[in-house]
Amino acid sequence: MSKSTLQTVPALGTHPAAGSNPSRAETREQLSKATYDLLVIGGGILGISTAWHAAQSGLRVALVDAGDFAGATSSASSKLLHGGLRYLQTGAVKLVAENHFERRAVSRNVAPHLANPLTFYLPVYKGGPHGAAKLGAGVFAYSALSAFGDGVGHLLSPAKAQQDVPELRTENLKAVAVYGDDQMNDARMALMTVRAAVDAGAVVLNHAEVTGLRFTKGRVTGAELKDRTSGDEFGVNARLVLNATGPWVDHLRTMEDPDAAPSIRLSKGAHLVLKRTSPWKAALATPIDKYRITFALPWEDMLLLGTTDEEYEGDPADVSVTEKDVDQILDEAAFSVRDQQLQRDLITYSFAGLRVLPGGPGDTSKAKRETVVTEGRAGMLSVAGGKWTTFRHIGRTVMKKLESLPGHPLGDGFEPVKELPKRLPLPGVANPRAVEHRLLVDSPEPGSRMAADTARHLATHYGSLAFDIARLANENPELGERVHPDAPEIWAQVAYARDHEWAETPDDVLRRRTTLTIRGLATDEVRGKVQALLEEK
């Protein structure tokens, strides 16, 4: 990993620990007593990024979500920060270059502690949808648009590729095209962005459902809310309200205007997580047809397979992985992955998310992943669509729209988004290798050294904030014990999630703040212990 140390890594015991977050009651009172410049409804990455940029601008910002932060689509992605290789087929060269720019900014400057470079192998099989020459030229062009920052895209022999991916199917394999992108834990990236928004002054509350909108002289000026954890009802006043609810964006639009026409359509993407049968040093991106690619990605010591792409018309809350999805994902993976890695008993978890696409006809797999900002009849803005890679760009785009609204509802007392720092890092920014090393060598006493896999996990999921977790474990040895013997997480992470990362439920902890659920280790016993620790708050 060619990442420079971006800040001096402090020794254990010297890193300043932040105080615990305000209680939910304190946050509700704070939200109900003030008038905010901007109320963002929706705690997915679009809403989080907009709240972060708005708070940086000096606006008074509130952010609420009916569920957990990144609790739906934003934690159900393919975990990639990528330029979009398939977009080259449509001639979208400028879009790929812009995506690469954002990808490099996030992985090198904004969040090097949360993003990891990943080599991709694109196998070319006899009778496949693309030839070796075409894919070889494609990955070269792709790497050129990234200024060759991840090496030069090229072709590789099947024998060499199989050394890095032992489970690669080599029958009828003619060649392998190679390129580079990045991957992440999307839930952790989202949480760190929430933390950045709060550090910039935003007030946030998850598990707070909007039950209605507030109107003043025919304009939307806030929302009525219900705390799902306590049942308390309260309201928030705001000069401007942004609907960033993703798959639920039209539901909220009908609260503003019962006659509002549908503005989006949804596409379901399902994924499977499996135990690995051998080490993977690269990912596979296998063409299924002219437009679709199926991924097999080494991720969190597991293997991530997917994704599907089909139109979805049901209730967004009911989206799930069906037996048909499982069959499709395994069948498509079998084009390039050997059968022994695709046994059903290796599956530890499955998840599905909904892509938000602009309304209109056509195949969802060919639809553009563009962000659309619209203004409703009563002045509420709605933002929908986009992709994880460009989450910072989306936040800036929405802010530019807010700045240019007729009548300037935000006033003049804020800093234009163009004046904001271009690559402001997320909390905990540091070289993860340096953090891992310090965690391993800075033990308070002999015999208490942290396990290597735990140190690596903390470094790549928290950056320098890992030292706060290590301190908790040092002060209370019970918190230094593993949550489950087969996972790297320790109980100090659960306490930290409760006090500093807005975790309210076992799922908040096990699915999004740790990797216990995706590893298939969120047993009833573990869930009960997590619940007990959350209740100690």
Protein backbone atom coordinates (compact mmCIF):
# COMPACT_ATOMS: atom_id res chain seq x y z
CA MET A 1 0.00 0.00 0.00
CA SER A 2 1.68 3.18 -1.18
CA LYS A 3 0.05 5.55 1.25
CA SER A 4 2.12 8.09 3.08
CA THR A 5 1.63 8.74 6.76
CA LEU A 6 -0.77 11.68 6.75
CA GLN A 7 -0.34 12.62 10.37
CA THR A 8 1.85 11.72 13.28
CA VAL A 9 0.48 8.64 14.99
CA PRO A 10 0.36 9.24 18.76
CA ALA A 11 1.33 6.65 21.32
CA LEU A 12 -1.40 4.93 23.30
CA GLY A 13 -2.51 7.12 26.15
CA THR A 14 -1.66 10.40 24.39
CA HIS A 15 -4.44 10.53 21.77
CA PRO A 16 -7.15 12.88 23.01
CA ALA A 17 -10.41 11.03 23.64
CA ALA A 18 -13.59 12.76 22.60
CA GLY A 19 -16.45 12.96 25.06
CA SER A 20 -19.49 10.77 24.63
CA ASN A 21 -22.27 11.88 22.31
CA PRO A 22 -25.25 13.74 23.84
CA SER A 23 -28.12 11.52 24.97
CA ARG A 24 -31.09 11.08 22.64
CA ALA A 25 -33.23 13.20 24.99
CA GLU A 26 -30.67 16.01 24.87
CA THR A 27 -30.51 15.78 21.09
CA ARG A 28 -34.32 15.84 20.75
CA GLU A 29 -34.47 18.94 22.94
CA GLN A 30 -31.72 20.60 20.91
CA LEU A 31 -33.51 19.83 17.65
CA SER A 32 -36.90 21.04 18.86
CA LYS A 33 -35.72 24.36 20.33
CA ALA A 34 -33.71 25.76 17.43
CA THR A 35 -34.51 26.85 13.90
CA TYR A 36 -32.07 25.31 11.47
CA ASP A 37 -30.88 26.65 8.14
CA LEU A 38 -31.14 23.16 6.67
CA LEU A 39 -32.95 20.02 7.79
CA VAL A 40 -31.72 16.93 5.95
CA ILE A 41 -34.17 14.03 6.07
CA GLY A 42 -32.35 10.81 5.24
CA GLY A 43 -29.14 9.44 6.73
CA GLY A 44 -27.80 7.60 3.70
CA ILE A 45 -24.55 8.79 2.17
CA LEU A 46 -26.26 11.47 0.01
CA GLY A 47 -27.87 13.11 3.03
CA ILE A 48 -24.77 12.63 5.18
CA SER A 49 -22.46 14.17 2.58
CA THR A 50 -24.79 17.15 2.09
CA ALA A 51 -25.02 17.70 5.85
CA TRP A 52 -21.22 17.53 6.10
CA HIS A 53 -20.68 20.12 3.37
CA ALA A 54 -23.48 22.37 4.64
CA ALA A 55 -22.04 22.33 8.17
CA GLN A 56 -18.59 23.13 6.78
CA SER A 57 -20.17 26.15 5.09
CA GLY A 58 -21.25 27.48 8.47
CA LEU A 59 -24.93 26.60 8.15
CA ARG A 60 -26.94 25.36 11.11
CA VAL A 61 -27.70 21.80 10.02
CA ALA A 62 -29.89 18.99 11.38
CA LEU A 63 -29.88 15.43 10.01
CA VAL A 64 -32.45 12.75 10.88
CA ASP A 65 -33.18 9.23 9.65
CA ALA A 66 -36.04 6.85 10.37
CA GLY A 67 -33.57 3.99 10.72
CA ASP A 68 -29.85 3.85 11.33
CA PHE A 69 -27.27 5.91 9.49
CA ALA A 70 -26.48 4.06 6.25
CA GLY A 71 -29.03 1.51 7.43
CA ALA A 72 -30.48 0.71 4.00
CA THR A 73 -29.01 1.24 0.52
CA SER A 74 -25.79 2.90 1.67
CA SER A 75 -24.60 -0.21 3.53
CA ALA A 76 -25.80 -2.60 0.81
CA SER A 77 -23.42 -1.63 -1.98
CA SER A 78 -20.70 -3.66 -3.71
CA LYS A 79 -18.19 -1.89 -1.39
CA LEU A 80 -16.33 -0.34 -4.33
CA LEU A 81 -14.82 3.05 -5.02
CA HIS A 82 -14.36 2.81 -8.77
CA GLY A 83 -14.10 4.73 -12.00
CA GLY A 84 -16.81 2.70 -13.74
CA LEU A 85 -15.12 0.52 -16.33
CA ARG A 86 -18.43 -0.33 -18.03
CA TYR A 87 -19.08 3.36 -18.74
CA LEU A 88 -16.29 3.32 -21.32
CA GLN A 89 -18.54 1.20 -23.55
CA THR A 90 -20.97 4.08 -23.86
CA GLY A 91 -18.21 6.59 -24.56
CA ALA A 92 -18.57 8.32 -21.19
CA VAL A 93 -14.86 9.12 -21.01
CA LYS A 94 -15.31 12.35 -19.05
CA LEU A 95 -17.50 10.58 -16.48
CA VAL A 96 -14.88 7.86 -15.92
CA ALA A 97 -12.14 10.46 -15.51
CA GLU A 98 -14.25 12.38 -12.97
CA ASN A 99 -15.01 9.17 -11.07
CA HIS A 100 -11.32 8.31 -10.96
CA PHE A 101 -10.53 11.77 -9.61
CA GLU A 102 -13.02 11.34 -6.78
CA ARG A 103 -11.88 7.77 -6.11
CA ARG A 104 -8.24 8.84 -5.78
CA ALA A 105 -9.14 11.81 -3.58
CA VAL A 106 -11.05 9.57 -1.16
CA SER A 107 -8.54 6.73 -1.09
CA ARG A 108 -5.43 8.91 -0.78
CA ASN A 109 -6.43 12.10 1.02
CA VAL A 110 -9.92 11.96 2.51
CA ALA A 111 -10.04 8.42 3.92
CA PRO A 112 -6.85 6.38 3.33
CA HIS A 113 -7.63 4.62 6.62
CA LEU A 114 -10.95 3.34 5.25
CA ALA A 115 -10.18 2.60 1.58
CA ASN A 116 -7.96 -0.15 0.20
CA PRO A 117 -6.45 -0.54 -3.27
CA LEU A 118 -7.66 -3.68 -5.01
CA THR A 119 -6.38 -5.36 -8.17
CA PHE A 120 -9.10 -6.62 -10.52
CA TYR A 121 -8.79 -9.53 -12.93
CA LEU A 122 -11.21 -9.50 -15.85
CA PRO A 123 -11.19 -13.02 -17.35
CA VAL A 124 -11.65 -13.51 -21.08
CA TYR A 125 -13.23 -16.87 -21.91
CA LYS A 126 -13.69 -18.51 -25.28
CA GLY A 127 -17.12 -17.53 -26.56
CA GLY A 128 -17.46 -14.68 -24.01
CA PRO A 129 -19.11 -11.32 -24.76
CA HIS A 130 -15.77 -9.51 -25.25
CA GLY A 131 -12.47 -10.43 -26.88
CA ALA A 132 -9.03 -10.17 -25.29
CA ALA A 133 -7.88 -7.35 -27.57
CA LYS A 134 -10.93 -5.24 -26.77
CA LEU A 135 -10.64 -5.76 -23.01
CA GLY A 136 -6.88 -5.22 -23.08
CA ALA A 137 -7.41 -1.87 -24.81
CA GLY A 138 -10.26 -1.09 -22.43
CA VAL A 139 -8.26 -1.59 -19.23
CA PHE A 140 -5.34 0.38 -20.71
CA ALA A 141 -7.66 3.31 -21.46
CA TYR A 142 -9.22 2.95 -18.01
CA SER A 143 -5.84 3.17 -16.29
CA ALA A 144 -4.84 6.08 -18.52
CA LEU A 145 -7.92 8.02 -17.36
CA SER A 146 -6.62 7.47 -13.82
CA ALA A 147 -3.23 8.89 -14.87
CA PHE A 148 -1.82 5.36 -14.39
CA GLY A 149 -2.02 5.91 -10.64
CA ASP A 150 -2.87 2.22 -10.13
CA GLY A 151 -0.41 0.92 -12.71
CA VAL A 152 -0.92 0.28 -16.41
CA GLY A 153 -3.91 -1.84 -17.43
CA HIS A 154 -2.64 -4.91 -19.26
CA LEU A 155 -3.23 -8.56 -20.13
CA LEU A 156 -2.02 -11.43 -17.96
CA SER A 157 -1.65 -15.15 -18.61
CA PRO A 158 -4.22 -17.49 -17.03
CA ALA A 159 -1.44 -19.34 -15.17
CA LYS A 160 -0.17 -16.17 -13.49
CA ALA A 161 -3.70 -15.07 -12.60
CA GLN A 162 -4.45 -18.40 -10.97
CA GLN A 163 -1.45 -17.95 -8.66
CA ASP A 164 -3.20 -14.92 -7.16
CA VAL A 165 -6.73 -16.37 -7.36
CA PRO A 166 -6.49 -20.16 -6.86
CA GLU A 167 -10.26 -20.53 -7.30
CA LEU A 168 -10.17 -19.02 -10.80
CA ARG A 169 -11.77 -21.31 -13.37
CA THR A 170 -9.21 -21.84 -16.14
CA GLU A 171 -11.14 -24.02 -18.60
CA ASN A 172 -11.44 -22.11 -21.91
CA LEU A 173 -9.72 -19.10 -20.29
CA LYS A 174 -7.85 -17.25 -23.03
CA ALA A 175 -6.43 -14.27 -21.12
CA VAL A 176 -6.99 -12.01 -18.11
CA ALA A 177 -7.19 -8.22 -18.27
CA VAL A 178 -5.87 -6.37 -15.22
CA TYR A 179 -6.87 -3.01 -13.75
CA GLY A 180 -7.01 -1.27 -10.37
CA ASP A 181 -9.75 0.31 -8.24
CA ASP A 182 -10.45 0.62 -4.49
CA GLN A 183 -12.81 -0.96 -1.98
CA MET A 184 -14.15 -0.02 1.45
CA ASN A 185 -16.51 -0.96 4.22
CA ASP A 186 -19.39 1.31 3.18
CA ALA A 187 -21.06 1.41 6.60
CA ARG A 188 -17.81 2.50 8.30
CA MET A 189 -17.19 5.16 5.62
CA ALA A 190 -20.70 6.53 6.15
CA LEU A 191 -20.31 6.62 9.95
CA MET A 192 -17.03 8.49 9.71
CA THR A 193 -18.73 11.02 7.43
CA VAL A 194 -21.53 11.45 9.99
CA ARG A 195 -18.85 12.07 12.58
CA ALA A 196 -17.23 14.64 10.29
CA ALA A 197 -20.58 16.42 9.90
CA VAL A 198 -21.03 16.52 13.68
CA ASP A 199 -17.46 17.79 14.14
CA ALA A 200 -18.39 20.59 11.71
CA GLY A 201 -21.45 21.49 13.83
CA ALA A 202 -24.34 19.36 12.53
CA VAL A 203 -26.89 17.88 14.96
CA VAL A 204 -27.84 14.30 14.06
CA LEU A 205 -30.37 11.72 15.23
CA ASN A 206 -31.01 8.25 13.87
CA HIS A 207 -34.11 6.11 14.50
CA ALA A 208 -36.22 9.29 14.23
CA GLU A 209 -39.09 8.90 11.78
CA VAL A 210 -40.72 11.81 9.95
CA THR A 211 -44.48 11.58 10.53
CA GLY A 212 -45.38 14.82 8.78
CA LEU A 213 -44.05 18.08 7.38
CA ARG A 214 -44.41 21.55 8.85
CA PHE A 215 -45.71 24.35 6.63
CA THR A 216 -45.58 28.13 6.93
CA LYS A 217 -47.53 30.16 4.35
CA GLY A 218 -47.56 27.20 2.00
CA ARG A 219 -43.83 26.47 2.29
CA VAL A 220 -42.22 23.44 3.93
CA THR A 221 -40.47 24.75 7.05
CA GLY A 222 -39.68 21.66 9.08
CA ALA A 223 -40.90 18.23 10.08
CA GLU A 224 -42.77 16.35 12.77
CA LEU A 225 -40.82 13.38 14.12
CA LYS A 226 -41.18 10.35 16.33
CA ASP A 227 -38.27 8.79 18.20
CA ARG A 228 -38.59 5.10 17.38
CA THR A 229 -36.58 4.07 20.43
CA SER A 230 -38.70 5.90 23.02
CA GLY A 231 -41.93 6.87 21.26
CA ASP A 232 -41.35 10.56 22.03
CA GLU A 233 -42.75 12.98 19.48
CA PHE A 234 -41.08 16.28 18.62
CA GLY A 235 -40.55 18.65 15.72
CA VAL A 236 -37.79 20.50 13.91
CA ASN A 237 -38.05 23.94 12.31
CA ALA A 238 -35.87 24.79 9.32
CA ARG A 239 -35.58 27.45 6.66
CA LEU A 240 -35.06 24.74 4.05
CA VAL A 241 -35.80 21.00 4.04
CA LEU A 242 -33.89 18.48 1.92
CA ASN A 243 -35.49 15.12 1.15
CA ALA A 244 -32.59 12.66 0.81
CA THR A 245 -34.51 9.50 1.68
CA GLY A 246 -33.30 7.40 -1.25
CA PRO A 247 -35.88 4.72 -2.16
CA TRP A 248 -38.45 6.58 -0.03
CA VAL A 249 -37.95 9.93 -1.79
CA ASP A 250 -41.37 9.85 -3.50
CA HIS A 251 -43.08 8.86 -0.23
CA LEU A 252 -41.87 12.08 1.36
CA ARG A 253 -42.69 14.09 -1.77
CA THR A 254 -46.35 13.05 -1.42
CA MET A 255 -46.31 14.46 2.14
CA GLU A 256 -45.46 17.80 0.53
CA ASP A 257 -47.83 17.39 -2.42
CA PRO A 258 -50.34 14.49 -2.51
CA ASP A 259 -50.49 14.88 -6.30
CA ALA A 260 -46.73 14.65 -6.87
CA ALA A 261 -45.92 12.31 -9.76
CA PRO A 262 -43.35 9.53 -9.25
CA SER A 263 -39.83 10.80 -9.94
CA ILE A 264 -37.70 7.67 -9.60
CA ARG A 265 -37.60 3.95 -10.24
CA LEU A 266 -35.77 1.34 -8.22
CA SER A 267 -33.38 -1.42 -9.13
CA LYS A 268 -32.55 -4.22 -6.68
CA GLY A 269 -28.99 -5.36 -6.21
CA ALA A 270 -28.42 -8.53 -4.16
CA HIS A 271 -25.11 -9.85 -2.80
CA LEU A 272 -23.82 -12.95 -1.03
CA VAL A 273 -21.00 -13.22 1.51
CA LEU A 274 -19.13 -16.52 1.71
CA LYS A 275 -16.26 -18.01 3.67
CA ARG A 276 -13.16 -18.25 1.50
CA THR A 277 -11.66 -21.65 0.69
CA SER A 278 -8.27 -20.13 -0.24
CA PRO A 279 -6.50 -16.75 -0.15
CA TRP A 280 -7.49 -14.21 -2.82
CA LYS A 281 -4.89 -11.59 -3.79
CA ALA A 282 -7.13 -10.02 -6.46
CA ALA A 283 -10.80 -9.63 -7.31
CA LEU A 284 -12.63 -11.03 -10.32
CA ALA A 285 -14.84 -8.88 -12.56
CA THR A 286 -16.45 -11.27 -15.03
CA PRO A 287 -18.52 -10.05 -18.02
CA ILE A 288 -21.94 -11.70 -18.10
CA ASP A 289 -23.16 -9.95 -21.22
CA LYS A 290 -22.37 -6.76 -23.11
CA TYR A 291 -23.34 -4.51 -20.19
CA ARG A 292 -23.27 -6.52 -16.96
CA ILE A 293 -20.34 -7.67 -14.85
CA THR A 294 -20.46 -9.99 -11.86
CA PHE A 295 -17.94 -9.47 -9.07
CA ALA A 296 -16.11 -11.88 -6.78
CA LEU A 297 -14.36 -9.65 -4.25
CA PRO A 298 -12.11 -10.50 -1.31
CA TRP A 299 -13.60 -8.35 1.45
CA GLU A 300 -13.32 -8.44 5.27
CA ASP A 301 -11.53 -11.84 5.13
CA MET A 302 -14.58 -13.17 3.26
CA LEU A 303 -15.69 -13.38 -0.39
CA LEU A 304 -18.38 -11.01 -1.67
CA LEU A 305 -20.37 -12.07 -4.73
CA GLY A 306 -22.82 -10.04 -6.79
CA THR A 307 -24.67 -8.20 -7.94
CA THR A 308 -28.11 -8.55 -9.49
CA ASP A 309 -29.88 -5.75 -11.33
CA GLU A 310 -33.65 -5.92 -11.74
CA GLU A 311 -36.49 -3.44 -11.47
CA TYR A 312 -38.13 -3.35 -8.03
CA GLU A 313 -41.67 -2.08 -7.45
CA GLY A 314 -42.44 -3.19 -3.88
CA ASP A 315 -42.12 -1.47 -0.54
CA PRO A 316 -38.46 -0.46 -0.07
CA ALA A 317 -38.64 -1.72 3.51
CA ASP A 318 -39.38 -5.23 2.25
CA VAL A 319 -36.41 -5.64 -0.07
CA SER A 320 -34.64 -8.95 0.56
CA VAL A 321 -32.55 -11.64 -1.07
CA THR A 322 -34.72 -14.35 -2.64
CA GLU A 323 -33.82 -17.93 -3.54
CA LYS A 324 -33.90 -16.79 -7.17
CA ASP A 325 -31.27 -14.13 -6.36
CA VAL A 326 -29.03 -16.71 -4.68
CA ASP A 327 -29.29 -19.02 -7.68
CA GLN A 328 -28.51 -16.20 -10.11
CA ILE A 329 -25.50 -14.93 -8.16
CA LEU A 330 -23.98 -18.41 -7.77
CA ASP A 331 -24.70 -19.33 -11.40
CA GLU A 332 -23.08 -16.15 -12.69
CA ALA A 333 -20.10 -16.50 -10.35
CA ALA A 334 -19.59 -20.02 -11.70
CA PHE A 335 -18.50 -18.55 -15.05
CA SER A 336 -15.13 -17.78 -13.47
CA VAL A 337 -15.08 -19.27 -9.93
CA ARG A 338 -14.54 -22.97 -9.22
CA ASP A 339 -17.43 -24.96 -7.76
CA GLN A 340 -15.75 -25.71 -4.42
CA GLN A 341 -15.81 -21.98 -3.55
CA LEU A 342 -19.52 -21.73 -4.41
CA GLN A 343 -20.97 -24.32 -2.05
CA ARG A 344 -24.11 -23.03 -0.34
CA ASP A 345 -22.87 -24.04 3.11
CA LEU A 346 -20.12 -21.42 2.74
CA ILE A 347 -22.70 -18.59 2.61
CA THR A 348 -22.62 -16.60 5.87
CA TYR A 349 -24.83 -13.65 4.94
CA SER A 350 -26.83 -12.11 2.11
CA PHE A 351 -28.09 -8.57 1.61
CA ALA A 352 -29.96 -6.51 -0.94
CA GLY A 353 -30.10 -2.79 -1.63
CA LEU A 354 -32.05 -0.52 -3.96
CA ARG A 355 -30.43 1.68 -6.57
CA VAL A 356 -32.34 4.91 -7.11
CA LEU A 357 -32.57 5.69 -10.83
CA PRO A 358 -34.24 8.55 -12.69
CA GLY A 359 -37.78 7.70 -13.75
CA GLY A 360 -38.36 6.49 -17.30
CA PRO A 361 -38.37 3.41 -19.53
CA GLY A 362 -35.51 1.08 -20.38
CA ASP A 363 -33.32 -1.61 -18.86
CA THR A 364 -32.15 -0.69 -15.37
CA SER A 365 -28.70 -2.18 -16.06
CA LYS A 366 -28.18 0.46 -18.77
CA ALA A 367 -29.57 3.40 -16.78
CA LYS A 368 -27.25 6.21 -15.78
CA ARG A 369 -26.38 6.49 -12.09
CA GLU A 370 -26.90 10.24 -12.04
CA THR A 371 -27.99 12.49 -9.21
CA VAL A 372 -31.18 14.49 -9.71
CA VAL A 373 -32.16 17.49 -7.55
CA THR A 374 -35.77 18.69 -7.82
CA GLU A 375 -37.84 21.34 -6.03
CA GLY A 376 -41.36 20.56 -4.90
CA ARG A 377 -44.45 22.74 -5.01
CA ALA A 378 -43.96 23.82 -1.39
CA GLY A 379 -40.22 24.43 -1.66
CA MET A 380 -38.84 21.13 -0.38
CA LEU A 381 -35.81 19.98 -2.29
CA SER A 382 -35.42 16.28 -3.13
CA VAL A 383 -32.14 14.63 -4.11
CA ALA A 384 -31.94 11.10 -5.47
CA GLY A 385 -29.54 8.86 -7.34
CA GLY A 386 -25.80 8.71 -7.65
CA LYS A 387 -23.09 6.32 -6.54
CA TRP A 388 -20.80 5.85 -3.56
CA THR A 389 -17.61 6.82 -5.38
CA THR A 390 -18.80 10.39 -5.93
CA PHE A 391 -20.38 10.98 -2.51
CA ARG A 392 -18.32 14.13 -1.88
CA HIS A 393 -19.13 15.49 -5.33
CA ILE A 394 -22.84 14.89 -4.71
CA GLY A 395 -22.68 16.85 -1.45
CA ARG A 396 -21.03 19.76 -3.24
CA THR A 397 -23.54 19.58 -6.11
CA VAL A 398 -26.50 19.79 -3.74
CA MET A 399 -24.91 22.70 -1.89
CA LYS A 400 -24.43 24.60 -5.16
CA LYS A 401 -28.12 24.06 -5.90
CA LEU A 402 -29.08 25.37 -2.46
CA GLU A 403 -26.89 28.44 -2.94
CA SER A 404 -28.54 29.30 -6.26
CA LEU A 405 -32.19 28.96 -5.19
CA PRO A 406 -34.40 31.98 -6.02
CA GLY A 407 -34.85 34.26 -3.05
CA HIS A 408 -31.71 32.88 -1.38
CA PRO A 409 -33.56 31.05 1.42
CA LEU A 410 -30.27 30.18 3.14
CA GLY A 411 -29.34 33.85 3.50
CA ASP A 412 -25.84 35.20 3.03
CA GLY A 413 -24.05 34.21 6.23
CA PHE A 414 -22.34 31.10 4.96
CA GLU A 415 -19.25 30.18 2.99
CA PRO A 416 -19.89 29.14 -0.63
CA VAL A 417 -19.06 25.51 -1.29
CA LYS A 418 -16.43 26.50 -3.84
CA GLU A 419 -14.44 28.09 -1.00
CA LEU A 420 -14.42 24.95 1.14
CA PRO A 421 -11.32 22.73 1.44
CA LYS A 422 -11.20 20.45 -1.58
CA ARG A 423 -9.95 17.31 0.17
CA LEU A 424 -10.85 17.67 3.82
CA PRO A 425 -10.04 14.34 5.52
CA LEU A 426 -12.47 12.28 7.53
CA PRO A 427 -11.86 11.75 11.28
CA GLY A 428 -9.11 9.28 12.16
CA VAL A 429 -7.13 9.93 8.98
CA ALA A 430 -3.76 8.20 9.22
CA ASN A 431 -1.67 5.56 7.52
CA PRO A 432 -3.36 2.33 8.68
CA ARG A 433 -0.07 0.43 8.70
CA ALA A 434 1.44 2.96 11.08
CA VAL A 435 -1.62 2.72 13.34
CA GLU A 436 -1.50 -1.08 13.28
CA HIS A 437 2.19 -1.05 14.21
CA ARG A 438 1.64 1.34 17.11
CA LEU A 439 -1.27 -0.72 18.43
CA LEU A 440 0.96 -3.80 18.45
CA VAL A 441 4.01 -2.26 20.12
CA ASP A 442 2.41 0.16 22.59
CA SER A 443 1.12 -2.27 25.18
CA PRO A 444 0.75 -0.93 28.73
CA GLU A 445 2.32 -4.02 30.25
CA PRO A 446 3.92 -7.32 29.14
CA GLY A 447 1.46 -10.02 28.19
CA SER A 448 -1.32 -7.61 27.21
CA ARG A 449 -0.33 -7.15 23.59
CA MET A 450 -3.23 -6.82 21.17
CA ALA A 451 -3.79 -9.68 18.72
CA ALA A 452 -2.45 -8.96 15.24
CA ASP A 453 -5.79 -9.44 13.45
CA THR A 454 -7.52 -7.11 15.93
CA ALA A 455 -4.86 -4.42 15.46
CA ARG A 456 -5.18 -4.68 11.70
CA HIS A 457 -8.97 -4.52 11.88
CA LEU A 458 -9.01 -1.47 14.15
CA ALA A 459 -6.45 0.36 12.04
CA THR A 460 -8.39 -0.14 8.80
CA HIS A 461 -11.83 0.66 10.24
CA TYR A 462 -11.07 3.55 12.62
CA GLY A 463 -7.65 4.94 11.68
CA SER A 464 -6.10 6.84 14.58
CA LEU A 465 -9.42 6.68 16.47
CA ALA A 466 -8.42 3.06 17.13
CA PHE A 467 -6.30 4.38 20.00
CA ASP A 468 -9.47 5.46 21.84
CA ILE A 469 -10.74 1.89 21.56
CA ALA A 470 -7.41 0.45 22.67
CA ARG A 471 -7.50 2.74 25.70
CA LEU A 472 -10.94 1.40 26.67
CA ALA A 473 -9.58 -2.13 26.45
CA ASN A 474 -6.53 -1.21 28.52
CA GLU A 475 -8.64 0.40 31.24
CA ASN A 476 -11.09 -2.52 31.36
CA PRO A 477 -9.53 -5.88 30.36
CA GLU A 478 -13.01 -7.39 29.80
CA LEU A 479 -13.51 -4.93 26.93
CA GLY A 480 -10.31 -6.24 25.37
CA GLU A 481 -11.82 -9.69 24.88
CA ARG A 482 -13.16 -10.81 21.50
CA VAL A 483 -16.87 -10.52 20.85
CA HIS A 484 -16.66 -13.90 19.09
CA PRO A 485 -13.57 -16.14 18.92
CA ASP A 486 -13.73 -16.28 15.10
CA ALA A 487 -13.82 -12.50 14.53
CA PRO A 488 -11.22 -9.76 15.20
CA GLU A 489 -13.64 -7.39 16.98
CA ILE A 490 -13.36 -6.74 20.71
CA TRP A 491 -16.01 -5.60 23.21
CA ALA A 492 -14.44 -2.14 23.44
CA GLN A 493 -15.78 -1.52 19.93
CA VAL A 494 -19.33 -2.17 21.14
CA ALA A 495 -18.92 0.30 24.01
CA TYR A 496 -17.37 2.79 21.59
CA ALA A 497 -20.24 2.33 19.10
CA ARG A 498 -22.73 3.01 21.92
CA ASP A 499 -21.00 6.13 23.24
CA HIS A 500 -19.49 7.68 20.09
CA GLU A 501 -21.20 6.21 17.02
CA TRP A 502 -24.94 6.48 17.76
CA ALA A 503 -25.52 2.71 18.01
CA GLU A 504 -28.94 1.99 19.55
CA THR A 505 -29.71 -1.62 18.57
CA PRO A 506 -27.77 -4.87 18.24
CA ASP A 507 -28.12 -4.62 14.45
CA ASP A 508 -26.58 -1.14 14.51
CA VAL A 509 -23.52 -2.69 16.17
CA LEU A 510 -23.32 -6.12 14.57
CA ARG A 511 -24.29 -5.24 10.98
CA ARG A 512 -22.85 -1.75 10.47
CA ARG A 513 -20.28 -0.83 13.14
CA THR A 514 -18.63 -4.25 13.16
CA THR A 515 -18.45 -7.23 10.80
CA LEU A 516 -20.00 -9.88 13.08
CA THR A 517 -23.22 -10.21 11.05
CA ILE A 518 -21.59 -10.49 7.65
CA ARG A 519 -19.31 -13.22 9.02
CA GLY A 520 -22.34 -15.18 10.19
CA LEU A 521 -21.33 -14.75 13.84
CA ALA A 522 -24.20 -12.65 15.22
CA THR A 523 -25.49 -15.52 17.35
CA ASP A 524 -28.31 -15.18 19.87
CA GLU A 525 -25.73 -15.23 22.65
CA VAL A 526 -23.69 -12.45 21.04
CA ARG A 527 -26.81 -10.36 20.35
CA GLY A 528 -27.92 -10.72 23.97
CA LYS A 529 -24.56 -9.57 25.30
CA VAL A 530 -24.48 -6.63 22.88
CA GLN A 531 -27.99 -5.62 23.95
CA ALA A 532 -26.93 -5.74 27.61
CA LEU A 533 -23.91 -3.53 26.95
CA LEU A 534 -26.03 -1.04 25.00
CA GLU A 535 -28.44 -0.80 27.95
CA GLU A 536 -25.60 0.16 30.30
CA LYS A 537 -25.59 3.61 28.70
